[in-house]
Amino acid sequence: ETMLYGSKSYLESIWAPSAATHTVWLAHYTS
């Protein structure tokens, strides 16, 4: 199996099609 790594902004703007249908590893530097 695979998962898509991406920052919050890129997952929302660039990777949106793949992020909607695949497993995601989110990068977001916040509490």
Full PDB file with SEQRES, HELIX, SHEET, SSBOND, CRYST1, ORIGX, SCALE, CONECT and MASTER records, all heavy atoms in Angstrom:
SEQRES   1 A   31  GLU THR MET LEU TYR GLY SER LYS SER TYR LEU GLU SER          
SEQRES   2 A   31  ILE TRP ALA PRO SER ALA ALA THR HIS THR VAL TRP LEU          
SEQRES   3 A   31  ALA HIS TYR THR SER                                          
HELIX    1 AA1 LYS A    8  SER A   13  1                                   6    
HELIX    2 AA2 ALA A   16  THR A   21  1                                   6    
SHEET    1 AA1 2 LEU A   4  SER A   7  0                                        
SHEET    2 AA1 2 VAL A  24  ALA A  27  1                                        
CRYST1    1.000    1.000    1.000  90.00  90.00  90.00 P 1           1          
ORIGX1      1.000000  0.000000  0.000000        0.00000                         
ORIGX2      0.000000  1.000000  0.000000        0.00000                         
ORIGX3      0.000000  0.000000  1.000000        0.00000                         
SCALE1      1.000000  0.000000  0.000000        0.00000                         
SCALE2      0.000000  1.000000  0.000000        0.00000                         
SCALE3      0.000000  0.000000  1.000000        0.00000                         
ATOM      1  N   GLU A   1       0.846  -1.180   0.000  1.00  0.00           N  
ATOM      2  CA  GLU A   1       0.000   0.000   0.000  1.00  0.00           C  
ATOM      3  C   GLU A   1       0.894   1.246   0.000  1.00  0.00           C  
ATOM      4  O   GLU A   1       2.074   1.183   0.357  1.00  0.00           O  
ATOM      5  CB  GLU A   1      -0.907   0.013   1.227  1.00  0.00           C  
ATOM      6  CG  GLU A   1      -1.901  -1.134   1.262  1.00  0.00           C  
ATOM      7  CD  GLU A   1      -2.813  -1.061   2.467  1.00  0.00           C  
ATOM      8  OE1 GLU A   1      -2.569  -0.202   3.346  1.00  0.00           O  
ATOM      9  OE2 GLU A   1      -3.746  -1.872   2.535  1.00  0.00           O  
ATOM     10  N   THR A   2       0.328   2.380  -0.398  1.00  0.00           N  
ATOM     11  CA  THR A   2       1.087   3.624  -0.417  1.00  0.00           C  
ATOM     12  C   THR A   2       0.322   4.716   0.328  1.00  0.00           C  
ATOM     13  O   THR A   2      -0.873   4.584   0.616  1.00  0.00           O  
ATOM     14  CB  THR A   2       1.371   4.112  -1.851  1.00  0.00           C  
ATOM     15  OG1 THR A   2       0.159   4.646  -2.424  1.00  0.00           O  
ATOM     16  CG2 THR A   2       1.917   3.002  -2.715  1.00  0.00           C  
ATOM     17  N   MET A   3       1.035   5.797   0.605  1.00  0.00           N  
ATOM     18  CA  MET A   3       0.400   7.001   1.143  1.00  0.00           C  
ATOM     19  C   MET A   3       1.093   8.222   0.546  1.00  0.00           C  
ATOM     20  O   MET A   3       2.261   8.163   0.140  1.00  0.00           O  
ATOM     21  CB  MET A   3       0.447   7.038   2.669  1.00  0.00           C  
ATOM     22  CG  MET A   3       1.820   7.034   3.302  1.00  0.00           C  
ATOM     23  SD  MET A   3       1.679   7.027   5.113  1.00  0.00           S  
ATOM     24  CE  MET A   3       3.390   6.672   5.583  1.00  0.00           C  
ATOM     25  N   LEU A   4       0.360   9.298   0.470  1.00  0.00           N  
ATOM     26  CA  LEU A   4       0.832  10.541  -0.129  1.00  0.00           C  
ATOM     27  C   LEU A   4       1.283  11.499   0.962  1.00  0.00           C  
ATOM     28  O   LEU A   4       0.491  11.860   1.837  1.00  0.00           O  
ATOM     29  CB  LEU A   4      -0.277  11.170  -0.966  1.00  0.00           C  
ATOM     30  CG  LEU A   4      -0.003  12.537  -1.587  1.00  0.00           C  
ATOM     31  CD1 LEU A   4       1.134  12.446  -2.598  1.00  0.00           C  
ATOM     32  CD2 LEU A   4      -1.274  13.074  -2.244  1.00  0.00           C  
ATOM     33  N   TYR A   5       2.551  11.932   0.899  1.00  0.00           N  
ATOM     34  CA  TYR A   5       3.065  12.917   1.851  1.00  0.00           C  
ATOM     35  C   TYR A   5       2.899  14.312   1.264  1.00  0.00           C  
ATOM     36  O   TYR A   5       3.192  14.548   0.082  1.00  0.00           O  
ATOM     37  CB  TYR A   5       4.543  12.655   2.129  1.00  0.00           C  
ATOM     38  CG  TYR A   5       5.216  13.755   2.930  1.00  0.00           C  
ATOM     39  CD1 TYR A   5       5.171  13.759   4.325  1.00  0.00           C  
ATOM     40  CD2 TYR A   5       5.880  14.796   2.291  1.00  0.00           C  
ATOM     41  CE1 TYR A   5       5.778  14.768   5.051  1.00  0.00           C  
ATOM     42  CE2 TYR A   5       6.492  15.805   3.010  1.00  0.00           C  
ATOM     43  CZ  TYR A   5       6.437  15.795   4.393  1.00  0.00           C  
ATOM     44  OH  TYR A   5       7.032  16.799   5.110  1.00  0.00           O  
ATOM     45  N   GLY A   6       2.442  15.246   2.088  1.00  0.00           N  
ATOM     46  CA  GLY A   6       2.333  16.615   1.604  1.00  0.00           C  
ATOM     47  C   GLY A   6       1.993  17.577   2.722  1.00  0.00           C  
ATOM     48  O   GLY A   6       1.417  17.198   3.752  1.00  0.00           O  
ATOM     49  N   SER A   7       2.360  18.837   2.528  1.00  0.00           N  
ATOM     50  CA  SER A   7       1.986  19.875   3.484  1.00  0.00           C  
ATOM     51  C   SER A   7       0.503  20.177   3.363  1.00  0.00           C  
ATOM     52  O   SER A   7      -0.140  19.861   2.351  1.00  0.00           O  
ATOM     53  CB  SER A   7       2.790  21.150   3.229  1.00  0.00           C  
ATOM     54  OG  SER A   7       2.381  21.742   2.007  1.00  0.00           O  
ATOM     55  N   LYS A   8      -0.054  20.797   4.385  1.00  0.00           N  
ATOM     56  CA  LYS A   8      -1.480  21.138   4.367  1.00  0.00           C  
ATOM     57  C   LYS A   8      -1.831  21.963   3.132  1.00  0.00           C  
ATOM     58  O   LYS A   8      -2.802  21.665   2.431  1.00  0.00           O  
ATOM     59  CB  LYS A   8      -1.844  21.906   5.628  1.00  0.00           C  
ATOM     60  CG  LYS A   8      -3.285  22.414   5.664  1.00  0.00           C  
ATOM     61  CD  LYS A   8      -3.551  23.185   6.945  1.00  0.00           C  
ATOM     62  CE  LYS A   8      -4.985  23.697   7.004  1.00  0.00           C  
ATOM     63  NZ  LYS A   8      -5.266  24.752   6.004  1.00  0.00           N  
ATOM     64  N   SER A   9      -1.040  22.987   2.830  1.00  0.00           N  
ATOM     65  CA  SER A   9      -1.368  23.870   1.706  1.00  0.00           C  
ATOM     66  C   SER A   9      -1.303  23.136   0.374  1.00  0.00           C  
ATOM     67  O   SER A   9      -2.171  23.323  -0.494  1.00  0.00           O  
ATOM     68  CB  SER A   9      -0.437  25.082   1.691  1.00  0.00           C  
ATOM     69  OG  SER A   9       0.911  24.677   1.542  1.00  0.00           O  
ATOM     70  N   TYR A  10      -0.294  22.258   0.192  1.00  0.00           N  
ATOM     71  CA  TYR A  10      -0.169  21.542  -1.066  1.00  0.00           C  
ATOM     72  C   TYR A  10      -1.220  20.442  -1.193  1.00  0.00           C  
ATOM     73  O   TYR A  10      -1.705  20.153  -2.293  1.00  0.00           O  
ATOM     74  CB  TYR A  10       1.233  20.965  -1.225  1.00  0.00           C  
ATOM     75  CG  TYR A  10       2.280  22.002  -1.525  1.00  0.00           C  
ATOM     76  CD1 TYR A  10       3.577  21.879  -1.033  1.00  0.00           C  
ATOM     77  CD2 TYR A  10       1.986  23.116  -2.309  1.00  0.00           C  
ATOM     78  CE1 TYR A  10       4.550  22.830  -1.308  1.00  0.00           C  
ATOM     79  CE2 TYR A  10       2.942  24.063  -2.592  1.00  0.00           C  
ATOM     80  CZ  TYR A  10       4.226  23.925  -2.086  1.00  0.00           C  
ATOM     81  OH  TYR A  10       5.163  24.876  -2.367  1.00  0.00           O  
ATOM     82  N   LEU A  11      -1.564  19.805  -0.076  1.00  0.00           N  
ATOM     83  CA  LEU A  11      -2.616  18.798  -0.122  1.00  0.00           C  
ATOM     84  C   LEU A  11      -3.948  19.421  -0.516  1.00  0.00           C  
ATOM     85  O   LEU A  11      -4.764  18.809  -1.209  1.00  0.00           O  
ATOM     86  CB  LEU A  11      -2.752  18.102   1.237  1.00  0.00           C  
ATOM     87  CG  LEU A  11      -1.648  17.113   1.608  1.00  0.00           C  
ATOM     88  CD1 LEU A  11      -1.761  16.713   3.074  1.00  0.00           C  
ATOM     89  CD2 LEU A  11      -1.686  15.876   0.715  1.00  0.00           C  
ATOM     90  N   GLU A  12      -4.174  20.653  -0.092  1.00  0.00           N  
ATOM     91  CA  GLU A  12      -5.433  21.327  -0.392  1.00  0.00           C  
ATOM     92  C   GLU A  12      -5.463  21.929  -1.799  1.00  0.00           C  
ATOM     93  O   GLU A  12      -6.535  22.003  -2.408  1.00  0.00           O  
ATOM     94  CB  GLU A  12      -5.674  22.433   0.636  1.00  0.00           C  
ATOM     95  CG  GLU A  12      -5.945  21.897   2.035  1.00  0.00           C  
ATOM     96  CD  GLU A  12      -6.004  22.986   3.082  1.00  0.00           C  
ATOM     97  OE1 GLU A  12      -5.419  24.076   2.857  1.00  0.00           O  
ATOM     98  OE2 GLU A  12      -6.624  22.750   4.137  1.00  0.00           O  
ATOM     99  N   SER A  13      -4.292  22.331  -2.306  1.00  0.00           N  
ATOM    100  CA  SER A  13      -4.290  23.055  -3.573  1.00  0.00           C  
ATOM    101  C   SER A  13      -3.760  22.257  -4.757  1.00  0.00           C  
ATOM    102  O   SER A  13      -4.280  22.372  -5.872  1.00  0.00           O  
ATOM    103  CB  SER A  13      -3.460  24.343  -3.438  1.00  0.00           C  
ATOM    104  OG  SER A  13      -2.118  24.039  -3.076  1.00  0.00           O  
ATOM    105  N   ILE A  14      -2.731  21.444  -4.540  1.00  0.00           N  
ATOM    106  CA  ILE A  14      -2.073  20.714  -5.629  1.00  0.00           C  
ATOM    107  C   ILE A  14      -2.454  19.237  -5.629  1.00  0.00           C  
ATOM    108  O   ILE A  14      -2.764  18.666  -6.674  1.00  0.00           O  
ATOM    109  CB  ILE A  14      -0.544  20.876  -5.538  1.00  0.00           C  
ATOM    110  CG1 ILE A  14      -0.177  22.348  -5.748  1.00  0.00           C  
ATOM    111  CG2 ILE A  14       0.156  19.989  -6.552  1.00  0.00           C  
ATOM    112  CD1 ILE A  14       1.296  22.652  -5.534  1.00  0.00           C  
ATOM    113  N   TRP A  15      -2.418  18.613  -4.452  1.00  0.00           N  
ATOM    114  CA  TRP A  15      -2.666  17.179  -4.366  1.00  0.00           C  
ATOM    115  C   TRP A  15      -4.129  16.857  -4.100  1.00  0.00           C  
ATOM    116  O   TRP A  15      -4.460  15.705  -3.811  1.00  0.00           O  
ATOM    117  CB  TRP A  15      -1.822  16.569  -3.251  1.00  0.00           C  
ATOM    118  CG  TRP A  15      -0.354  16.598  -3.494  1.00  0.00           C  
ATOM    119  CD1 TRP A  15       0.570  17.373  -2.849  1.00  0.00           C  
ATOM    120  CD2 TRP A  15       0.387  15.815  -4.447  1.00  0.00           C  
ATOM    121  NE1 TRP A  15       1.832  17.118  -3.335  1.00  0.00           N  
ATOM    122  CE2 TRP A  15       1.752  16.169  -4.316  1.00  0.00           C  
ATOM    123  CE3 TRP A  15       0.023  14.866  -5.399  1.00  0.00           C  
ATOM    124  CZ2 TRP A  15       2.747  15.600  -5.102  1.00  0.00           C  
ATOM    125  CZ3 TRP A  15       1.017  14.294  -6.184  1.00  0.00           C  
ATOM    126  CH2 TRP A  15       2.363  14.660  -6.023  1.00  0.00           C  
ATOM    127  N   ALA A  16      -5.008  17.823  -4.207  1.00  0.00           N  
ATOM    128  CA  ALA A  16      -6.409  17.613  -3.835  1.00  0.00           C  
ATOM    129  C   ALA A  16      -7.042  16.368  -4.465  1.00  0.00           C  
ATOM    130  O   ALA A  16      -7.719  15.605  -3.763  1.00  0.00           O  
ATOM    131  CB  ALA A  16      -7.227  18.859  -4.166  1.00  0.00           C  
ATOM    132  N   PRO A  17      -6.872  16.094  -5.773  1.00  0.00           N  
ATOM    133  CA  PRO A  17      -7.494  14.891  -6.343  1.00  0.00           C  
ATOM    134  C   PRO A  17      -6.993  13.600  -5.695  1.00  0.00           C  
ATOM    135  O   PRO A  17      -7.780  12.715  -5.355  1.00  0.00           O  
ATOM    136  CB  PRO A  17      -7.113  14.965  -7.823  1.00  0.00           C  
ATOM    137  CG  PRO A  17      -6.863  16.408  -8.073  1.00  0.00           C  
ATOM    138  CD  PRO A  17      -6.239  16.917  -6.818  1.00  0.00           C  
ATOM    139  N   SER A  18      -5.681  13.482  -5.521  1.00  0.00           N  
ATOM    140  CA  SER A  18      -5.127  12.261  -4.937  1.00  0.00           C  
ATOM    141  C   SER A  18      -5.404  12.177  -3.448  1.00  0.00           C  
ATOM    142  O   SER A  18      -5.674  11.101  -2.908  1.00  0.00           O  
ATOM    143  CB  SER A  18      -3.623  12.199  -5.200  1.00  0.00           C  
ATOM    144  OG  SER A  18      -3.360  11.948  -6.571  1.00  0.00           O  
ATOM    145  N   ALA A  19      -5.333  13.321  -2.768  1.00  0.00           N  
ATOM    146  CA  ALA A  19      -5.557  13.317  -1.321  1.00  0.00           C  
ATOM    147  C   ALA A  19      -6.983  12.902  -0.979  1.00  0.00           C  
ATOM    148  O   ALA A  19      -7.235  12.339   0.095  1.00  0.00           O  
ATOM    149  CB  ALA A  19      -5.260  14.700  -0.744  1.00  0.00           C  
ATOM    150  N   ALA A  20      -7.903  13.155  -1.889  1.00  0.00           N  
ATOM    151  CA  ALA A  20      -9.305  12.824  -1.635  1.00  0.00           C  
ATOM    152  C   ALA A  20      -9.571  11.328  -1.691  1.00  0.00           C  
ATOM    153  O   ALA A  20     -10.554  10.847  -1.112  1.00  0.00           O  
ATOM    154  CB  ALA A  20     -10.197  13.554  -2.631  1.00  0.00           C  
ATOM    155  N   THR A  21      -8.722  10.599  -2.382  1.00  0.00           N  
ATOM    156  CA  THR A  21      -9.000   9.176  -2.619  1.00  0.00           C  
ATOM    157  C   THR A  21      -7.922   8.241  -2.072  1.00  0.00           C  
ATOM    158  O   THR A  21      -8.093   7.023  -2.127  1.00  0.00           O  
ATOM    159  CB  THR A  21      -9.159   8.901  -4.123  1.00  0.00           C  
ATOM    160  OG1 THR A  21      -7.990   9.351  -4.820  1.00  0.00           O  
ATOM    161  CG2 THR A  21     -10.374   9.629  -4.674  1.00  0.00           C  
ATOM    162  N   HIS A  22      -6.819   8.788  -1.550  1.00  0.00           N  
ATOM    163  CA  HIS A  22      -5.718   7.949  -1.089  1.00  0.00           C  
ATOM    164  C   HIS A  22      -5.352   8.241   0.365  1.00  0.00           C  
ATOM    165  O   HIS A  22      -5.777   9.245   0.932  1.00  0.00           O  
ATOM    166  CB  HIS A  22      -4.487   8.162  -1.969  1.00  0.00           C  
ATOM    167  CG  HIS A  22      -4.634   7.626  -3.360  1.00  0.00           C  
ATOM    168  ND1 HIS A  22      -4.604   6.288  -3.658  1.00  0.00           N  
ATOM    169  CD2 HIS A  22      -4.833   8.256  -4.548  1.00  0.00           C  
ATOM    170  CE1 HIS A  22      -4.750   6.105  -4.950  1.00  0.00           C  
ATOM    171  NE2 HIS A  22      -4.909   7.293  -5.525  1.00  0.00           N  
ATOM    172  N   THR A  23      -4.565   7.359   0.944  1.00  0.00           N  
ATOM    173  CA  THR A  23      -4.065   7.542   2.298  1.00  0.00           C  
ATOM    174  C   THR A  23      -3.087   8.708   2.335  1.00  0.00           C  
ATOM    175  O   THR A  23      -2.238   8.848   1.455  1.00  0.00           O  
ATOM    176  CB  THR A  23      -3.371   6.253   2.779  1.00  0.00           C  
ATOM    177  OG1 THR A  23      -4.305   5.174   2.713  1.00  0.00           O  
ATOM    178  CG2 THR A  23      -2.866   6.401   4.202  1.00  0.00           C  
ATOM    179  N   VAL A  24      -3.181   9.545   3.366  1.00  0.00           N  
ATOM    180  CA  VAL A  24      -2.400  10.775   3.439  1.00  0.00           C  
ATOM    181  C   VAL A  24      -1.522  10.808   4.683  1.00  0.00           C  
ATOM    182  O   VAL A  24      -1.936  10.418   5.780  1.00  0.00           O  
ATOM    183  CB  VAL A  24      -3.333  12.006   3.431  1.00  0.00           C  
ATOM    184  CG1 VAL A  24      -2.601  13.278   3.863  1.00  0.00           C  
ATOM    185  CG2 VAL A  24      -3.933  12.188   2.043  1.00  0.00           C  
ATOM    186  N   TRP A  25      -0.298  11.298   4.476  1.00  0.00           N  
ATOM    187  CA  TRP A  25       0.612  11.670   5.567  1.00  0.00           C  
ATOM    188  C   TRP A  25       0.707  13.191   5.525  1.00  0.00           C  
ATOM    189  O   TRP A  25       1.307  13.764   4.633  1.00  0.00           O  
ATOM    190  CB  TRP A  25       1.963  11.008   5.352  1.00  0.00           C  
ATOM    191  CG  TRP A  25       3.038  11.355   6.345  1.00  0.00           C  
ATOM    192  CD1 TRP A  25       2.917  12.068   7.506  1.00  0.00           C  
ATOM    193  CD2 TRP A  25       4.428  10.990   6.257  1.00  0.00           C  
ATOM    194  NE1 TRP A  25       4.126  12.173   8.147  1.00  0.00           N  
ATOM    195  CE2 TRP A  25       5.076  11.512   7.395  1.00  0.00           C  
ATOM    196  CE3 TRP A  25       5.170  10.270   5.311  1.00  0.00           C  
ATOM    197  CZ2 TRP A  25       6.439  11.349   7.605  1.00  0.00           C  
ATOM    198  CZ3 TRP A  25       6.537  10.110   5.532  1.00  0.00           C  
ATOM    199  CH2 TRP A  25       7.158  10.637   6.667  1.00  0.00           C  
ATOM    200  N   LEU A  26       0.110  13.838   6.481  1.00  0.00           N  
ATOM    201  CA  LEU A  26       0.006  15.295   6.529  1.00  0.00           C  
ATOM    202  C   LEU A  26       1.225  15.919   7.198  1.00  0.00           C  
ATOM    203  O   LEU A  26       1.658  15.476   8.261  1.00  0.00           O  
ATOM    204  CB  LEU A  26      -1.250  15.678   7.319  1.00  0.00           C  
ATOM    205  CG  LEU A  26      -1.390  17.134   7.771  1.00  0.00           C  
ATOM    206  CD1 LEU A  26      -1.634  18.044   6.567  1.00  0.00           C  
ATOM    207  CD2 LEU A  26      -2.515  17.261   8.805  1.00  0.00           C  
ATOM    208  N   ALA A  27       1.762  16.972   6.588  1.00  0.00           N  
ATOM    209  CA  ALA A  27       2.794  17.799   7.216  1.00  0.00           C  
ATOM    210  C   ALA A  27       2.184  19.160   7.520  1.00  0.00           C  
ATOM    211  O   ALA A  27       1.766  19.879   6.613  1.00  0.00           O  
ATOM    212  CB  ALA A  27       4.001  17.958   6.294  1.00  0.00           C  
ATOM    213  N   HIS A  28       2.078  19.485   8.784  1.00  0.00           N  
ATOM    214  CA  HIS A  28       1.523  20.785   9.200  1.00  0.00           C  
ATOM    215  C   HIS A  28       2.121  21.128  10.559  1.00  0.00           C  
ATOM    216  O   HIS A  28       1.824  20.465  11.552  1.00  0.00           O  
ATOM    217  CB  HIS A  28       0.002  20.714   9.281  1.00  0.00           C  
ATOM    218  CG  HIS A  28      -0.654  22.050   9.444  1.00  0.00           C  
ATOM    219  ND1 HIS A  28      -1.949  22.205   9.878  1.00  0.00           N  
ATOM    220  CD2 HIS A  28      -0.170  23.318   9.230  1.00  0.00           C  
ATOM    221  CE1 HIS A  28      -2.256  23.492   9.916  1.00  0.00           C  
ATOM    222  NE2 HIS A  28      -1.194  24.181   9.524  1.00  0.00           N  
ATOM    223  N   TYR A  29       2.983  22.145  10.575  1.00  0.00           N  
ATOM    224  CA  TYR A  29       3.749  22.471  11.772  1.00  0.00           C  
ATOM    225  C   TYR A  29       2.961  23.432  12.661  1.00  0.00           C  
ATOM    226  O   TYR A  29       3.092  24.654  12.587  1.00  0.00           O  
ATOM    227  CB  TYR A  29       5.105  23.053  11.386  1.00  0.00           C  
ATOM    228  CG  TYR A  29       5.948  22.101  10.556  1.00  0.00           C  
ATOM    229  CD1 TYR A  29       7.047  22.549   9.829  1.00  0.00           C  
ATOM    230  CD2 TYR A  29       5.645  20.749  10.486  1.00  0.00           C  
ATOM    231  CE1 TYR A  29       7.811  21.685   9.074  1.00  0.00           C  
ATOM    232  CE2 TYR A  29       6.402  19.865   9.732  1.00  0.00           C  
ATOM    233  CZ  TYR A  29       7.481  20.349   9.023  1.00  0.00           C  
ATOM    234  OH  TYR A  29       8.239  19.485   8.269  1.00  0.00           O  
ATOM    235  N   THR A  30       2.137  22.847  13.481  1.00  0.00           N  
ATOM    236  CA  THR A  30       1.256  23.593  14.364  1.00  0.00           C  
ATOM    237  C   THR A  30       0.834  22.678  15.498  1.00  0.00           C  
ATOM    238  O   THR A  30       0.925  21.457  15.381  1.00  0.00           O  
ATOM    239  CB  THR A  30       0.018  24.100  13.596  1.00  0.00           C  
ATOM    240  OG1 THR A  30      -0.848  24.789  14.489  1.00  0.00           O  
ATOM    241  CG2 THR A  30      -0.743  22.943  12.964  1.00  0.00           C  
ATOM    242  N   SER A  31       0.379  23.265  16.588  1.00  0.00           N  
ATOM    243  CA  SER A  31      -0.018  22.439  17.729  1.00  0.00           C  
ATOM    244  C   SER A  31      -1.346  21.731  17.506  1.00  0.00           C  
ATOM    245  O   SER A  31      -1.619  20.678  18.085  1.00  0.00           O  
ATOM    246  CB  SER A  31      -0.097  23.299  18.999  1.00  0.00           C  
ATOM    247  OG  SER A  31      -1.029  24.354  18.813  1.00  0.00           O  
TER     248      SER A  31                                                      
MASTER        0    0    0    2    2    0    0    6  247    1    0    3          
END                                                                             
